[in-house]
Amino acid sequence: MDLKILKERDTPLLSRKRITAMIDFKGSTPSRAEIRASISKKLGSEKELTIIKHIYPRFGSSKAKVIAHIYSEKEEMNSVEPEYLIKKHKVEAPKEEAPAKAPKPAPEAPKEEAPAEPAPVEPTPEPESKPESEAPVEEPKEAEEKPAEKTE
C-alpha cells in the first residue's frame, strides 16, 4: 500500500491535525487498522491518537482518498470524536483466542430406555365430506335492468 499525503491542516483549538491522503493498493480496500498504522508510521504519530474519519474508494481503480485526524491528547480525542467512531478504532483481541476457550460441556440428561411395546395408535376419524350433489348450488344472477335515464 502506497500512501501519499495531499493536505495537512493543523487545528489548534481541537488539538489535532487533519490529514487528507491518497492511497494506492492492490486487491480490496485496506481496513481502517491498516490505513491507521500506515498513516501513523509515515507521520511518526501515535497509533492510538489517530482516527480514520472517512475512506472514499475510487470506482474502477485501486485508489482511495482518506481523511484522518491525529490528536495530541487522548482526552481531547474522546471529547471531540463521536463514540461510534472511537469504537471502530479500538484494538481488538485476535479472533483466534476466542475459540481457544474450552466451552462448558452441557450436562448430560439421563437416557430413557425405549418402551418394550409401542403405544397403540388410535385411528383418527376422517372429516365427513358432502357429496357434490348436496353442495349448495349458486343460481346464475339475471341481468338487472337499468332504469332509463331521464332526458329533458
C-alpha atoms as a PDB file:
ATOM      1  CA  MET A   1       0.000   0.000   0.000  1.00  0.00           C
ATOM      2  CA  ASP A   2       1.406   3.354  -1.060  1.00  0.00           C
ATOM      3  CA  LEU A   3       0.407   6.436   0.950  1.00  0.00           C
ATOM      4  CA  LYS A   4       0.666   9.986  -0.408  1.00  0.00           C
ATOM      5  CA  ILE A   5      -0.202  12.973   1.829  1.00  0.00           C
ATOM      6  CA  LEU A   6      -2.252  15.539  -0.122  1.00  0.00           C
ATOM      7  CA  LYS A   7      -3.088  18.049   2.655  1.00  0.00           C
ATOM      8  CA  GLU A   8      -2.156  18.542   6.273  1.00  0.00           C
ATOM      9  CA  ARG A   9      -4.087  21.150   8.229  1.00  0.00           C
ATOM     10  CA  ASP A  10      -3.418  21.987  11.873  1.00  0.00           C
ATOM     11  CA  THR A  11      -6.411  22.752  14.123  1.00  0.00           C
ATOM     12  CA  PRO A  12      -5.031  24.049  17.442  1.00  0.00           C
ATOM     13  CA  LEU A  13      -8.423  24.610  19.110  1.00  0.00           C
ATOM     14  CA  LEU A  14      -9.233  20.902  18.792  1.00  0.00           C
ATOM     15  CA  SER A  15      -5.621  19.781  19.395  1.00  0.00           C
ATOM     16  CA  ARG A  16      -5.477  17.832  16.152  1.00  0.00           C
ATOM     17  CA  LYS A  17      -4.211  17.692  12.601  1.00  0.00           C
ATOM     18  CA  ARG A  18      -6.497  16.865   9.691  1.00  0.00           C
ATOM     19  CA  ILE A  19      -4.750  14.730   7.102  1.00  0.00           C
ATOM     20  CA  THR A  20      -6.038  14.161   3.574  1.00  0.00           C
ATOM     21  CA  ALA A  21      -4.192  11.356   1.800  1.00  0.00           C
ATOM     22  CA  MET A  22      -4.446   9.182  -1.296  1.00  0.00           C
ATOM     23  CA  ILE A  23      -3.609   5.501  -1.014  1.00  0.00           C
ATOM     24  CA  ASP A  24      -2.796   3.077  -3.810  1.00  0.00           C
ATOM     25  CA  PHE A  25      -3.468  -0.568  -3.023  1.00  0.00           C
ATOM     26  CA  LYS A  26      -3.795  -3.953  -4.660  1.00  0.00           C
ATOM     27  CA  GLY A  27      -6.870  -6.098  -4.217  1.00  0.00           C
ATOM     28  CA  SER A  28      -9.574  -4.965  -1.826  1.00  0.00           C
ATOM     29  CA  THR A  29      -9.652  -1.645   0.024  1.00  0.00           C
ATOM     30  CA  PRO A  30      -7.418  -1.770   3.119  1.00  0.00           C
ATOM     31  CA  SER A  31      -9.075  -1.846   6.532  1.00  0.00           C
ATOM     32  CA  ARG A  32      -9.139   1.107   8.910  1.00  0.00           C
ATOM     33  CA  ALA A  33      -6.499  -0.600  11.066  1.00  0.00           C
ATOM     34  CA  GLU A  34      -4.111  -0.979   8.111  1.00  0.00           C
ATOM     35  CA  ILE A  35      -4.596   2.618   6.984  1.00  0.00           C
ATOM     36  CA  ARG A  36      -4.254   3.867  10.560  1.00  0.00           C
ATOM     37  CA  ALA A  37      -0.961   2.010  11.012  1.00  0.00           C
ATOM     38  CA  SER A  38       0.365   3.331   7.687  1.00  0.00           C
ATOM     39  CA  ILE A  39      -0.513   6.977   8.469  1.00  0.00           C
ATOM     40  CA  SER A  40       0.914   6.729  11.996  1.00  0.00           C
ATOM     41  CA  LYS A  41       4.138   5.240  10.676  1.00  0.00           C
ATOM     42  CA  LYS A  42       4.536   7.827   7.896  1.00  0.00           C
ATOM     43  CA  LEU A  43       3.868  10.843  10.140  1.00  0.00           C
ATOM     44  CA  GLY A  44       5.523   9.465  13.289  1.00  0.00           C
ATOM     45  CA  SER A  45       2.425   9.852  15.433  1.00  0.00           C
ATOM     46  CA  GLU A  46       0.857   7.538  17.999  1.00  0.00           C
ATOM     47  CA  LYS A  47      -1.458   4.938  16.545  1.00  0.00           C
ATOM     48  CA  GLU A  48      -3.949   5.299  19.444  1.00  0.00           C
ATOM     49  CA  LEU A  49      -4.387   9.014  18.728  1.00  0.00           C
ATOM     50  CA  THR A  50      -5.120   8.542  15.013  1.00  0.00           C
ATOM     51  CA  ILE A  51      -8.738   8.360  13.839  1.00  0.00           C
ATOM     52  CA  ILE A  52      -9.675   7.482  10.260  1.00  0.00           C
ATOM     53  CA  LYS A  53     -12.640   9.738   9.613  1.00  0.00           C
ATOM     54  CA  HIS A  54     -13.506   8.701   6.023  1.00  0.00           C
ATOM     55  CA  ILE A  55     -12.351   6.295   3.316  1.00  0.00           C
ATOM     56  CA  TYR A  56     -13.519   7.125  -0.196  1.00  0.00           C
ATOM     57  CA  PRO A  57     -12.557   4.356  -2.653  1.00  0.00           C
ATOM     58  CA  ARG A  58     -12.312   5.390  -6.303  1.00  0.00           C
ATOM     59  CA  PHE A  59     -14.624   3.394  -8.534  1.00  0.00           C
ATOM     60  CA  GLY A  60     -12.832   1.183 -11.029  1.00  0.00           C
ATOM     61  CA  SER A  61      -9.340   1.828  -9.707  1.00  0.00           C
ATOM     62  CA  SER A  62      -7.210   0.726  -6.802  1.00  0.00           C
ATOM     63  CA  LYS A  63      -7.062   4.123  -5.115  1.00  0.00           C
ATOM     64  CA  ALA A  64      -8.858   5.637  -2.156  1.00  0.00           C
ATOM     65  CA  LYS A  65      -8.993   9.082  -0.601  1.00  0.00           C
ATOM     66  CA  VAL A  66      -8.586   9.032   3.183  1.00  0.00           C
ATOM     67  CA  ILE A  67      -9.374  11.723   5.729  1.00  0.00           C
ATOM     68  CA  ALA A  68      -7.777  11.211   9.144  1.00  0.00           C
ATOM     69  CA  HIS A  69      -7.498  13.154  12.394  1.00  0.00           C
ATOM     70  CA  ILE A  70      -4.361  12.932  14.528  1.00  0.00           C
ATOM     71  CA  TYR A  71      -4.855  14.185  18.085  1.00  0.00           C
ATOM     72  CA  SER A  72      -2.209  15.362  20.528  1.00  0.00           C
ATOM     73  CA  GLU A  73      -4.164  14.246  23.628  1.00  0.00           C
ATOM     74  CA  LYS A  74      -6.421  11.263  24.247  1.00  0.00           C
ATOM     75  CA  GLU A  75      -8.860  13.292  26.381  1.00  0.00           C
ATOM     76  CA  GLU A  76      -9.354  15.764  23.544  1.00  0.00           C
ATOM     77  CA  MET A  77      -9.983  12.905  21.101  1.00  0.00           C
ATOM     78  CA  ASN A  78     -12.613  11.353  23.386  1.00  0.00           C
ATOM     79  CA  SER A  79     -14.423  14.673  23.830  1.00  0.00           C
ATOM     80  CA  VAL A  80     -14.455  15.648  20.142  1.00  0.00           C
ATOM     81  CA  GLU A  81     -14.910  12.428  18.158  1.00  0.00           C
ATOM     82  CA  PRO A  82     -18.233  10.547  18.224  1.00  0.00           C
ATOM     83  CA  GLU A  83     -18.324   7.421  20.350  1.00  0.00           C
ATOM     84  CA  TYR A  84     -19.160   5.094  17.453  1.00  0.00           C
ATOM     85  CA  LEU A  85     -16.032   6.196  15.590  1.00  0.00           C
ATOM     86  CA  ILE A  86     -13.795   5.611  18.606  1.00  0.00           C
ATOM     87  CA  LYS A  87     -15.289   2.112  18.999  1.00  0.00           C
ATOM     88  CA  LYS A  88     -14.368   1.323  15.381  1.00  0.00           C
ATOM     89  CA  HIS A  89     -10.735   2.052  16.187  1.00  0.00           C
ATOM     90  CA  LYS A  90     -10.455   0.056  19.404  1.00  0.00           C
ATOM     91  CA  VAL A  91      -7.725  -2.550  19.261  1.00  0.00           C
ATOM     92  CA  GLU A  92      -9.489  -5.889  19.089  1.00  0.00           C
ATOM     93  CA  ALA A  93      -8.058  -9.042  20.556  1.00  0.00           C
ATOM     94  CA  PRO A  94      -7.176 -11.599  17.897  1.00  0.00           C
ATOM     95  CA  LYS A  95     -10.203 -13.650  16.941  1.00  0.00           C
ATOM     96  CA  GLU A  96      -8.213 -16.871  17.322  1.00  0.00           C
ATOM     97  CA  GLU A  97      -8.177 -16.512  21.109  1.00  0.00           C
ATOM     98  CA  ALA A  98     -11.957 -16.546  21.495  1.00  0.00           C
ATOM     99  CA  PRO A  99     -12.421 -20.147  20.239  1.00  0.00           C
ATOM    100  CA  ALA A 100      -9.414 -21.276  22.295  1.00  0.00           C
ATOM    101  CA  LYS A 101     -11.526 -21.233  25.444  1.00  0.00           C
ATOM    102  CA  ALA A 102     -12.995 -24.643  26.117  1.00  0.00           C
ATOM    103  CA  PRO A 103     -16.779 -24.460  26.056  1.00  0.00           C
ATOM    104  CA  LYS A 104     -18.515 -25.828  29.108  1.00  0.00           C
ATOM    105  CA  PRO A 105     -19.838 -29.306  28.414  1.00  0.00           C
ATOM    106  CA  ALA A 106     -23.598 -29.482  28.552  1.00  0.00           C
ATOM    107  CA  PRO A 107     -24.920 -31.603  31.408  1.00  0.00           C
ATOM    108  CA  GLU A 108     -25.975 -34.928  30.040  1.00  0.00           C
ATOM    109  CA  ALA A 109     -29.594 -35.863  30.568  1.00  0.00           C
ATOM    110  CA  PRO A 110     -30.215 -39.419  31.750  1.00  0.00           C
ATOM    111  CA  LYS A 111     -31.076 -41.596  28.807  1.00  0.00           C
ATOM    112  CA  GLU A 112     -34.512 -43.120  28.942  1.00  0.00           C
ATOM    113  CA  GLU A 113     -34.972 -46.602  27.689  1.00  0.00           C
ATOM    114  CA  ALA A 114     -37.386 -47.091  24.842  1.00  0.00           C
ATOM    115  CA  PRO A 115     -40.638 -48.844  25.841  1.00  0.00           C
ATOM    116  CA  ALA A 116     -40.733 -52.535  25.029  1.00  0.00           C
ATOM    117  CA  GLU A 117     -44.112 -52.290  23.284  1.00  0.00           C
ATOM    118  CA  PRO A 118     -45.040 -49.392  21.073  1.00  0.00           C
ATOM    119  CA  ALA A 119     -48.081 -47.454  22.228  1.00  0.00           C
ATOM    120  CA  PRO A 120     -51.268 -48.411  20.351  1.00  0.00           C
ATOM    121  CA  VAL A 121     -52.128 -45.999  17.594  1.00  0.00           C
ATOM    122  CA  GLU A 122     -55.713 -44.805  17.601  1.00  0.00           C
ATOM    123  CA  PRO A 123     -57.244 -44.245  14.183  1.00  0.00           C
ATOM    124  CA  THR A 124     -58.146 -40.659  13.578  1.00  0.00           C
ATOM    125  CA  PRO A 125     -61.661 -40.028  12.334  1.00  0.00           C
ATOM    126  CA  GLU A 126     -61.792 -38.592   8.843  1.00  0.00           C
ATOM    127  CA  PRO A 127     -63.859 -35.458   8.370  1.00  0.00           C
ATOM    128  CA  GLU A 128     -67.172 -36.106   6.726  1.00  0.00           C
ATOM    129  CA  SER A 129     -67.330 -34.859   3.191  1.00  0.00           C
ATOM    130  CA  LYS A 130     -70.567 -33.947   1.494  1.00  0.00           C
ATOM    131  CA  PRO A 131     -71.293 -35.387  -1.901  1.00  0.00           C
ATOM    132  CA  GLU A 132     -71.251 -32.881  -4.710  1.00  0.00           C
ATOM    133  CA  SER A 133     -74.968 -33.233  -5.323  1.00  0.00           C
ATOM    134  CA  GLU A 134     -75.758 -31.907  -1.845  1.00  0.00           C
ATOM    135  CA  ALA A 135     -73.438 -28.923  -2.109  1.00  0.00           C
ATOM    136  CA  PRO A 136     -75.310 -25.631  -2.427  1.00  0.00           C
ATOM    137  CA  VAL A 137     -75.535 -24.513  -5.999  1.00  0.00           C
ATOM    138  CA  GLU A 138     -75.421 -20.848  -6.782  1.00  0.00           C
ATOM    139  CA  GLU A 139     -78.124 -19.694  -9.112  1.00  0.00           C
ATOM    140  CA  PRO A 140     -76.973 -17.564 -12.001  1.00  0.00           C
ATOM    141  CA  LYS A 141     -77.974 -13.967 -11.497  1.00  0.00           C
ATOM    142  CA  GLU A 142     -80.252 -12.450 -14.037  1.00  0.00           C
ATOM    143  CA  ALA A 143     -79.087  -9.265 -15.618  1.00  0.00           C
ATOM    144  CA  GLU A 144     -80.608  -6.407 -13.736  1.00  0.00           C
ATOM    145  CA  GLU A 145     -82.433  -3.874 -15.778  1.00  0.00           C
ATOM    146  CA  LYS A 146     -81.166  -0.384 -15.505  1.00  0.00           C
ATOM    147  CA  PRO A 147     -83.740   2.325 -15.238  1.00  0.00           C
ATOM    148  CA  ALA A 148     -83.801   4.560 -18.249  1.00  0.00           C
ATOM    149  CA  GLU A 149     -82.144   7.852 -17.830  1.00  0.00           C
ATOM    150  CA  LYS A 150     -84.362  10.854 -17.928  1.00  0.00           C
ATOM    151  CA  THR A 151     -83.751  13.285 -20.704  1.00  0.00           C
ATOM    152  CA  GLU A 152     -85.367  16.663 -20.546  1.00  0.00           C
END
